[in-house]
C-alpha atoms as a PDB file:
ATOM      1  CA  MET A   1       0.114   0.088  -0.317  1.00  0.00           C
ATOM      2  CA  ILE A   2       1.061   3.456  -0.589  1.00  0.00           C
ATOM      3  CA  VAL A   3       1.095   6.193   2.024  1.00  0.00           C
ATOM      4  CA  ARG A   4       1.922   9.743   1.254  1.00  0.00           C
ATOM      5  CA  ILE A   5       2.931  11.978   4.370  1.00  0.00           C
ATOM      6  CA  LEU A   6       2.216  15.748   3.574  1.00  0.00           C
ATOM      7  CA  GLY A   7       5.363  17.873   2.650  1.00  0.00           C
ATOM      8  CA  GLU A   8       7.585  14.218   2.430  1.00  0.00           C
ATOM      9  CA  GLY A   9       6.780  11.936  -0.116  1.00  0.00           C
ATOM     10  CA  GLN A  10       5.427   8.517  -0.850  1.00  0.00           C
ATOM     11  CA  LEU A  11       6.335   5.545   1.164  1.00  0.00           C
ATOM     12  CA  ASP A  12       5.208   2.286   0.106  1.00  0.00           C
ATOM     13  CA  LEU A  13       4.225  -0.647   3.107  1.00  0.00           C
ATOM     14  CA  THR A  14       3.084  -4.447   3.319  1.00  0.00           C
ATOM     15  CA  ASP A  15      -0.545  -4.937   4.196  1.00  0.00           C
ATOM     16  CA  ALA A  16       0.648  -6.865   6.796  1.00  0.00           C
ATOM     17  CA  ASP A  17       1.550  -3.190   8.572  1.00  0.00           C
ATOM     18  CA  LEU A  18      -1.754  -2.240   8.247  1.00  0.00           C
ATOM     19  CA  GLY A  19      -2.738  -3.445  11.796  1.00  0.00           C
ATOM     20  CA  VAL A  20       0.340  -1.553  13.676  1.00  0.00           C
ATOM     21  CA  LEU A  21      -0.693   1.288  11.676  1.00  0.00           C
ATOM     22  CA  ASN A  22      -4.164   1.255  12.633  1.00  0.00           C
ATOM     23  CA  GLU A  23      -3.134   0.836  16.439  1.00  0.00           C
ATOM     24  CA  TYR A  24      -0.962   4.046  16.610  1.00  0.00           C
ATOM     25  CA  ASP A  25      -3.877   5.750  14.339  1.00  0.00           C
ATOM     26  CA  SER A  26      -6.450   4.919  17.422  1.00  0.00           C
ATOM     27  CA  ALA A  27      -3.899   6.068  19.783  1.00  0.00           C
ATOM     28  CA  LEU A  28      -3.706   9.487  17.749  1.00  0.00           C
ATOM     29  CA  GLU A  29      -7.663   9.654  17.411  1.00  0.00           C
ATOM     30  CA  ALA A  30      -7.583   9.472  21.255  1.00  0.00           C
ATOM     31  CA  ALA A  31      -5.204  11.961  21.711  1.00  0.00           C
ATOM     32  CA  LEU A  32      -7.234  14.066  19.503  1.00  0.00           C
ATOM     33  CA  ASP A  33     -10.101  13.231  21.673  1.00  0.00           C
ATOM     34  CA  SER A  34      -8.399  14.295  24.938  1.00  0.00           C
ATOM     35  CA  ALA A  35      -8.015  17.806  23.572  1.00  0.00           C
ATOM     36  CA  ASN A  36      -3.655  17.746  25.096  1.00  0.00           C
ATOM     37  CA  GLU A  37      -1.617  19.296  22.786  1.00  0.00           C
ATOM     38  CA  GLU A  38       1.277  17.410  24.389  1.00  0.00           C
ATOM     39  CA  THR A  39      -0.359  13.583  23.514  1.00  0.00           C
ATOM     40  CA  PHE A  40      -1.596  14.501  20.601  1.00  0.00           C
ATOM     41  CA  ARG A  41       1.975  15.830  19.317  1.00  0.00           C
ATOM     42  CA  GLU A  42       3.659  12.529  20.785  1.00  0.00           C
ATOM     43  CA  ALA A  43       1.378   9.970  18.955  1.00  0.00           C
ATOM     44  CA  LEU A  44       1.079  11.797  15.251  1.00  0.00           C
ATOM     45  CA  HIS A  45       5.079  11.648  15.957  1.00  0.00           C
ATOM     46  CA  ARG A  46       4.831   7.983  17.057  1.00  0.00           C
ATOM     47  CA  LEU A  47       2.536   7.297  13.818  1.00  0.00           C
ATOM     48  CA  LEU A  48       4.589   9.156  11.146  1.00  0.00           C
ATOM     49  CA  GLU A  49       7.766   7.822  12.582  1.00  0.00           C
ATOM     50  CA  ARG A  50       6.420   4.162  12.172  1.00  0.00           C
ATOM     51  CA  VAL A  51       5.259   4.769   8.890  1.00  0.00           C
ATOM     52  CA  ARG A  52       9.357   6.042   7.895  1.00  0.00           C
ATOM     53  CA  ALA A  53      10.861   3.338   9.524  1.00  0.00           C
ATOM     54  CA  ASP A  54       8.832   0.372   7.838  1.00  0.00           C
ATOM     55  CA  GLY A  55       8.107   1.926   4.347  1.00  0.00           C
ATOM     56  CA  SER A  56      10.329   2.259   1.669  1.00  0.00           C
ATOM     57  CA  PRO A  57      10.217   5.872  -0.158  1.00  0.00           C
ATOM     58  CA  LEU A  58       9.042   5.841  -3.442  1.00  0.00           C
ATOM     59  CA  PRO A  59      11.425   7.728  -6.145  1.00  0.00           C
ATOM     60  CA  ASP A  60      10.512  11.543  -6.227  1.00  0.00           C
ATOM     61  CA  ASP A  61       9.329  11.281 -10.016  1.00  0.00           C
ATOM     62  CA  ALA A  62       6.894   8.122  -9.010  1.00  0.00           C
ATOM     63  CA  LEU A  63       3.814   8.744  -9.876  1.00  0.00           C
ATOM     64  CA  GLU A  64       1.428   6.925  -7.496  1.00  0.00           C
ATOM     65  CA  PRO A  65      -2.184   7.199  -5.982  1.00  0.00           C
ATOM     66  CA  SER A  66      -1.599   7.093  -2.654  1.00  0.00           C
ATOM     67  CA  ASP A  67      -3.827   4.486  -0.452  1.00  0.00           C
ATOM     68  CA  PHE A  68      -4.139   7.031   2.332  1.00  0.00           C
ATOM     69  CA  ILE A  69      -2.743  10.300   3.326  1.00  0.00           C
ATOM     70  CA  LEU A  70      -1.184  11.361   6.863  1.00  0.00           C
ATOM     71  CA  PRO A  71      -0.355  14.758   7.830  1.00  0.00           C
ATOM     72  CA  HIS A  72       2.978  16.645   8.698  1.00  0.00           C
ATOM     73  CA  ALA A  73       4.813  16.301  11.761  1.00  0.00           C
ATOM     74  CA  GLU A  74       4.030  19.609  12.501  1.00  0.00           C
ATOM     75  CA  ALA A  75       0.320  19.491  11.772  1.00  0.00           C
ATOM     76  CA  SER A  76      -2.273  21.504  13.786  1.00  0.00           C
ATOM     77  CA  MET A  77      -4.786  19.194  16.034  1.00  0.00           C
ATOM     78  CA  ALA A  78      -7.506  21.329  13.680  1.00  0.00           C
ATOM     79  CA  GLU A  79      -5.696  20.321  10.427  1.00  0.00           C
ATOM     80  CA  VAL A  80      -5.529  16.387  11.583  1.00  0.00           C
ATOM     81  CA  ARG A  81      -9.359  17.025  12.378  1.00  0.00           C
ATOM     82  CA  GLU A  82      -9.981  17.778   9.255  1.00  0.00           C
ATOM     83  CA  MET A  83      -8.092  14.814   7.626  1.00  0.00           C
ATOM     84  CA  LEU A  84      -9.993  12.099   9.667  1.00  0.00           C
ATOM     85  CA  GLN A  85     -12.573  10.077   7.909  1.00  0.00           C
ATOM     86  CA  ASP A  86     -14.971   7.752   9.794  1.00  0.00           C
ATOM     87  CA  ASP A  87     -12.247   5.260  11.033  1.00  0.00           C
ATOM     88  CA  GLY A  88      -9.382   7.887  11.656  1.00  0.00           C
ATOM     89  CA  LEU A  89      -6.329   8.675   9.259  1.00  0.00           C
ATOM     90  CA  ILE A  90      -5.754   5.108   8.465  1.00  0.00           C
ATOM     91  CA  PRO A  91      -8.650   3.343   6.955  1.00  0.00           C
ATOM     92  CA  GLY A  92      -9.447  -0.539   7.991  1.00  0.00           C
END
């Protein structure tokens, strides 16, 4: 699956990564619900770090559709809320 991190580019992850990423996504949603900036920032950074660690970057000139899009590391709580779907940032 192809994941885009806004401002950074795209990474290719295996479908096996989806379950783990959904755990991080749930933690991010809980952090948003808490409205605690520090907890939110930490959850967002953990999610992005996991994607970067598990994913293989696509070349800059690759034009692949993204399965889902994640916010940049400095996104605000409001920006992330706008990106949320019914099941978080990561479907599944």
